[in-house]
Amino acid sequence: MKIYSILIIVLLPVTVEAQQRQMPKRELELEGVVNFRDLGGYTTTDYRRVVMGRVYRSGDISQLTDADMEALKRRKIYTVIDFRGEDEAAASPDRLPAGADYLLLPAGSANMADWQTFINGRSSGKEVMIAFYSDVSAFKERYRPFFRKLLMLPDTSSVVFHCSAGKDRTGIAAALFLYALDVPMETIMNDYLASNYYRRAENEKILDEMVNEQGIDRKMATELVEVNSLYLEATFNALKKRYGSIDLFLYRELGIDEAAKFRLRDKFLR
């Protein structure tokens, strides 16, 4: 009697952290900022690749050091797009490269620094965040100028866009940008969720402050400071419900028609 051995291979899900480690290095390990990373290196559905070193996403850049400024200069980052509200930006002004083209896009960001404004009447952090992500009323004012800047970006320079944590308003901007480039939704979601990986130490500090100093329940606080696939899905679902599709939203509100998509892809894909 022959005895056959059977090899069973169990495919475990690949974590976002593992995927980020396997991808081209995209985090800029700067001294004065968290979650500063390159949006390049991702593959589109037609197997092109987003160019590295052209478009960066980040958290608050008000505390950049001199060494950080040199790092930005080496990467020719001369355009800065700030999604924070006017009060946020005034309280912590960006430290900008010399001669930088700075654009503040505060639409929909009033009172963002006040957690209690969002928490009141909500039973969970997830409820708070899903409500925030589902409100697309300010997207035209916030993201239309963003895409205009991308389309006008000189080929010899780079851009960074950011908010305070670099995860919500910035996360939505990154998702819309990658979508317009025809990057698969799974990849878009993984880039979004990677904020939990790059912000893990900073999130712990913020959690302790929210719990110990502000008296916020730790579970709720965790759901507020971390990103969750449900949040970004809420944005895309809201856009589909309101406009019929993401592409129609891009066209009607942001001015991204097929010609603009071609220009974006020609500029940022190889």
Protein backbone atom coordinates (compact mmCIF):
# COMPACT_ATOMS: atom_id res chain seq x y z
CA MET A 1 0.00 0.00 0.00
CA LYS A 2 1.34 3.38 -1.03
CA ILE A 3 1.19 6.23 1.42
CA TYR A 4 0.81 9.69 -0.06
CA SER A 5 1.63 12.77 1.89
CA ILE A 6 -0.51 15.80 1.26
CA LEU A 7 0.93 19.28 1.63
CA ILE A 8 -1.67 21.73 2.76
CA ILE A 9 -0.81 25.39 2.29
CA VAL A 10 -2.77 27.81 4.40
CA LEU A 11 -2.87 31.30 2.95
CA LEU A 12 -3.04 33.76 5.79
CA PRO A 13 -4.31 37.30 5.16
CA VAL A 14 -1.51 39.77 4.58
CA THR A 15 -1.66 42.62 7.05
CA VAL A 16 -1.48 46.25 6.00
CA GLU A 17 1.77 46.52 7.95
CA ALA A 18 3.29 43.60 6.03
CA GLN A 19 2.14 45.07 2.74
CA GLN A 20 3.74 48.41 3.56
CA ARG A 21 7.02 46.68 4.42
CA GLN A 22 6.93 44.80 1.11
CA MET A 23 6.25 47.92 -0.97
CA PRO A 24 8.86 50.47 -2.05
CA LYS A 25 9.89 52.52 0.99
CA ARG A 26 7.49 55.44 1.11
CA GLU A 27 7.74 56.86 4.64
CA LEU A 28 9.98 59.89 5.09
CA GLU A 29 11.39 59.45 8.57
CA LEU A 30 11.40 63.13 9.50
CA GLU A 31 12.00 64.48 12.99
CA GLY A 32 9.09 66.87 13.34
CA VAL A 33 6.17 65.17 11.62
CA VAL A 34 4.26 61.88 11.71
CA ASN A 35 2.71 60.01 8.78
CA PHE A 36 4.69 61.78 6.04
CA ARG A 37 4.79 59.36 3.11
CA ASP A 38 5.13 59.02 -0.62
CA LEU A 39 2.02 58.10 -2.60
CA GLY A 40 4.13 56.59 -5.36
CA GLY A 41 4.84 52.95 -6.07
CA TYR A 42 1.26 51.72 -6.34
CA THR A 43 0.22 49.73 -9.42
CA THR A 44 -2.87 50.67 -11.45
CA THR A 45 -5.39 48.31 -13.01
CA ASP A 46 -3.53 48.57 -16.34
CA TYR A 47 -0.20 47.74 -14.65
CA ARG A 48 1.28 51.22 -14.73
CA ARG A 49 2.87 52.55 -11.57
CA VAL A 50 2.40 55.78 -9.63
CA VAL A 51 5.62 57.79 -9.86
CA MET A 52 7.67 57.98 -6.67
CA GLY A 53 8.82 61.32 -5.33
CA ARG A 54 6.08 63.55 -6.76
CA VAL A 55 3.08 63.44 -4.40
CA TYR A 56 3.29 63.12 -0.62
CA ARG A 57 0.69 62.94 2.14
CA SER A 58 1.35 63.98 5.72
CA GLY A 59 0.17 65.07 9.12
CA ASP A 60 0.76 68.53 10.64
CA ILE A 61 4.03 70.02 9.36
CA SER A 62 4.26 72.95 11.79
CA GLN A 63 7.10 71.32 13.75
CA LEU A 64 9.50 70.49 10.91
CA THR A 65 13.15 70.78 11.95
CA ASP A 66 15.97 72.33 9.95
CA ALA A 67 17.02 68.83 8.92
CA ASP A 68 13.45 68.13 7.80
CA MET A 69 13.43 71.28 5.71
CA GLU A 70 16.58 70.12 3.96
CA ALA A 71 14.92 66.78 3.26
CA LEU A 72 11.95 68.56 1.65
CA LYS A 73 14.31 70.72 -0.38
CA ARG A 74 16.15 67.66 -1.70
CA ARG A 75 12.83 66.24 -2.84
CA LYS A 76 11.81 69.53 -4.47
CA ILE A 77 8.64 69.84 -2.39
CA TYR A 78 7.63 73.39 -3.22
CA THR A 79 3.82 73.10 -3.11
CA VAL A 80 1.95 72.63 0.18
CA ILE A 81 -1.80 72.01 0.41
CA ASP A 82 -3.33 72.33 3.89
CA PHE A 83 -6.79 70.86 4.59
CA ARG A 84 -7.00 72.14 8.16
CA GLY A 85 -9.55 74.67 9.33
CA GLU A 86 -8.58 78.30 9.70
CA ASP A 87 -8.33 78.02 13.50
CA GLU A 88 -6.19 74.88 13.27
CA ALA A 89 -3.84 76.48 10.76
CA ALA A 90 -3.56 79.70 12.79
CA ALA A 91 -2.77 77.81 15.99
CA SER A 92 -0.02 75.74 14.35
CA PRO A 93 1.17 77.46 11.17
CA ASP A 94 2.96 75.27 8.66
CA ARG A 95 6.71 75.57 8.44
CA LEU A 96 7.12 76.05 4.72
CA PRO A 97 10.05 75.63 2.34
CA ALA A 98 11.42 78.91 1.01
CA GLY A 99 9.22 80.23 -1.77
CA ALA A 100 6.63 77.50 -1.29
CA ASP A 101 3.26 77.72 -3.01
CA TYR A 102 0.89 77.37 -0.04
CA LEU A 103 -2.84 76.71 -0.34
CA LEU A 104 -5.22 76.50 2.64
CA LEU A 105 -8.46 74.63 1.91
CA PRO A 106 -10.48 74.86 5.17
CA ALA A 107 -13.92 73.95 3.76
CA GLY A 108 -15.76 71.60 6.11
CA SER A 109 -13.10 71.80 8.81
CA ALA A 110 -14.66 74.25 11.26
CA ASN A 111 -14.29 73.13 14.91
CA MET A 112 -12.27 70.07 13.93
CA ALA A 113 -9.94 70.59 16.89
CA ASP A 114 -12.85 70.21 19.34
CA TRP A 115 -13.60 66.52 19.82
CA GLN A 116 -16.60 67.23 22.04
CA THR A 117 -18.37 68.96 19.15
CA PHE A 118 -18.44 65.64 17.33
CA ILE A 119 -18.91 63.35 20.31
CA ASN A 120 -22.03 65.00 21.75
CA GLY A 121 -25.10 62.88 21.05
CA ARG A 122 -23.10 60.02 19.56
CA SER A 123 -22.96 56.57 21.13
CA SER A 124 -19.60 55.48 19.72
CA GLY A 125 -16.48 56.74 18.01
CA LYS A 126 -17.41 54.76 14.91
CA GLU A 127 -20.73 56.58 14.72
CA VAL A 128 -18.91 59.91 14.97
CA MET A 129 -16.42 59.07 12.25
CA ILE A 130 -18.93 57.49 9.87
CA ALA A 131 -21.09 60.62 10.19
CA PHE A 132 -18.04 62.79 9.42
CA TYR A 133 -16.96 60.69 6.43
CA SER A 134 -20.52 60.55 5.08
CA ASP A 135 -20.81 64.34 4.95
CA VAL A 136 -19.60 65.17 1.45
CA SER A 137 -21.18 68.64 1.29
CA ALA A 138 -17.82 70.47 1.44
CA PHE A 139 -15.94 68.17 -0.92
CA LYS A 140 -16.23 70.47 -3.95
CA GLU A 141 -14.70 73.43 -2.10
CA ARG A 142 -12.06 71.26 -0.43
CA TYR A 143 -10.93 68.97 -3.23
CA ARG A 144 -11.57 70.81 -6.51
CA PRO A 145 -8.67 73.26 -5.87
CA PHE A 146 -6.59 70.27 -4.72
CA PHE A 147 -6.94 68.54 -8.07
CA ARG A 148 -6.36 71.81 -9.91
CA LYS A 149 -3.01 72.16 -8.12
CA LEU A 150 -2.09 68.58 -9.03
CA LEU A 151 -2.86 69.21 -12.68
CA MET A 152 -0.79 72.41 -12.66
CA LEU A 153 2.15 70.95 -10.73
CA PRO A 154 5.41 71.59 -12.62
CA ASP A 155 7.22 68.43 -13.70
CA THR A 156 10.30 69.67 -11.85
CA SER A 157 8.70 69.88 -8.40
CA SER A 158 6.66 67.88 -5.88
CA VAL A 159 3.66 68.48 -3.62
CA VAL A 160 2.66 67.54 -0.09
CA PHE A 161 -0.92 67.72 1.19
CA HIS A 162 -1.88 67.36 4.83
CA CYS A 163 -4.29 68.02 7.67
CA SER A 164 -3.60 67.61 11.40
CA ALA A 165 -3.21 63.86 11.74
CA GLY A 166 -2.88 63.10 8.03
CA LYS A 167 -5.52 60.39 8.20
CA ASP A 168 -9.05 61.70 7.58
CA ARG A 169 -9.25 64.75 5.29
CA THR A 170 -5.86 63.77 3.90
CA GLY A 171 -6.90 60.12 3.68
CA ILE A 172 -9.93 61.03 1.58
CA ALA A 173 -7.80 63.25 -0.68
CA ALA A 174 -5.29 60.43 -1.20
CA ALA A 175 -8.10 57.98 -1.95
CA LEU A 176 -9.67 60.28 -4.57
CA PHE A 177 -6.27 60.96 -6.15
CA LEU A 178 -5.41 57.25 -6.40
CA TYR A 179 -8.91 56.48 -7.69
CA ALA A 180 -8.52 59.06 -10.45
CA LEU A 181 -5.26 57.35 -11.42
CA ASP A 182 -7.14 54.01 -11.67
CA VAL A 183 -5.44 52.37 -8.69
CA PRO A 184 -7.51 49.36 -7.47
CA MET A 185 -9.83 49.93 -4.51
CA GLU A 186 -8.06 47.31 -2.43
CA THR A 187 -4.79 49.21 -2.80
CA ILE A 188 -6.51 52.52 -2.05
CA MET A 189 -7.96 51.07 1.14
CA ASN A 190 -4.62 49.63 2.22
CA ASP A 191 -2.94 53.01 1.78
CA TYR A 192 -5.71 54.58 3.86
CA LEU A 193 -5.45 51.97 6.64
CA ALA A 194 -1.66 52.33 6.74
CA SER A 195 -2.12 55.48 8.86
CA ASN A 196 -2.71 53.15 11.81
CA TYR A 197 0.73 51.66 11.15
CA TYR A 198 2.60 54.92 10.68
CA ARG A 199 0.77 56.69 13.52
CA ARG A 200 0.80 53.86 16.05
CA ALA A 201 3.10 55.57 18.61
CA GLU A 202 1.44 58.97 18.17
CA ASN A 203 -2.01 57.41 18.50
CA GLU A 204 -1.06 55.91 21.86
CA LYS A 205 -0.01 59.33 23.18
CA ILE A 206 -3.22 60.94 21.97
CA LEU A 207 -5.31 58.12 23.43
CA ASP A 208 -3.75 58.60 26.86
CA GLU A 209 -4.45 62.32 26.70
CA MET A 210 -8.06 61.85 25.59
CA VAL A 211 -8.74 59.28 28.31
CA ASN A 212 -6.79 60.76 31.22
CA GLU A 213 -7.19 64.48 30.58
CA GLN A 214 -10.46 64.76 28.66
CA GLY A 215 -12.30 61.86 30.27
CA ILE A 216 -13.27 60.22 26.98
CA ASP A 217 -14.04 56.51 27.06
CA ARG A 218 -11.03 54.59 25.75
CA LYS A 219 -13.01 52.53 23.23
CA MET A 220 -14.58 55.66 21.80
CA ALA A 221 -11.23 57.44 21.78
CA THR A 222 -9.62 54.54 19.92
CA GLU A 223 -12.34 54.62 17.27
CA LEU A 224 -11.76 58.37 16.87
CA VAL A 225 -7.97 58.34 16.48
CA GLU A 226 -7.62 55.20 14.37
CA VAL A 227 -8.77 54.75 10.79
CA ASN A 228 -11.22 52.02 9.88
CA SER A 229 -12.26 50.67 6.48
CA LEU A 230 -15.87 51.48 7.41
CA TYR A 231 -15.01 55.18 7.43
CA LEU A 232 -13.62 55.45 3.91
CA GLU A 233 -16.35 53.13 2.67
CA ALA A 234 -18.86 55.61 4.13
CA THR A 235 -17.38 58.37 1.97
CA PHE A 236 -17.49 56.33 -1.23
CA ASN A 237 -21.01 55.10 -0.44
CA ALA A 238 -22.20 58.67 0.19
CA LEU A 239 -20.69 59.85 -3.10
CA LYS A 240 -22.30 56.99 -5.02
CA LYS A 241 -25.66 57.66 -3.39
CA ARG A 242 -25.52 61.38 -4.15
CA TYR A 243 -23.96 61.34 -7.63
CA GLY A 244 -24.53 57.83 -8.93
CA SER A 245 -20.84 56.98 -9.13
CA ILE A 246 -17.41 58.22 -8.04
CA ASP A 247 -16.58 59.13 -11.62
CA LEU A 248 -19.66 61.35 -11.89
CA PHE A 249 -18.70 63.07 -8.64
CA LEU A 250 -15.17 63.68 -9.96
CA TYR A 251 -16.62 65.13 -13.17
CA ARG A 252 -19.49 67.22 -11.81
CA GLU A 253 -17.91 68.62 -8.65
CA LEU A 254 -14.16 68.42 -9.15
CA GLY A 255 -13.96 69.00 -12.89
CA ILE A 256 -12.13 65.74 -13.52
CA ASP A 257 -13.41 64.59 -16.89
CA GLU A 258 -11.76 61.99 -19.12
CA ALA A 259 -9.32 64.56 -20.50
CA ALA A 260 -8.28 65.59 -16.97
CA LYS A 261 -7.86 61.94 -15.99
CA PHE A 262 -5.61 61.43 -18.99
CA ARG A 263 -3.50 64.44 -17.96
CA LEU A 264 -3.27 63.21 -14.37
CA ARG A 265 -2.22 59.74 -15.49
CA ASP A 266 0.25 61.12 -17.99
CA LYS A 267 1.78 63.29 -15.23
CA PHE A 268 1.85 60.82 -12.35
CA LEU A 269 2.07 57.34 -13.90
CA ARG A 270 4.88 55.51 -15.64
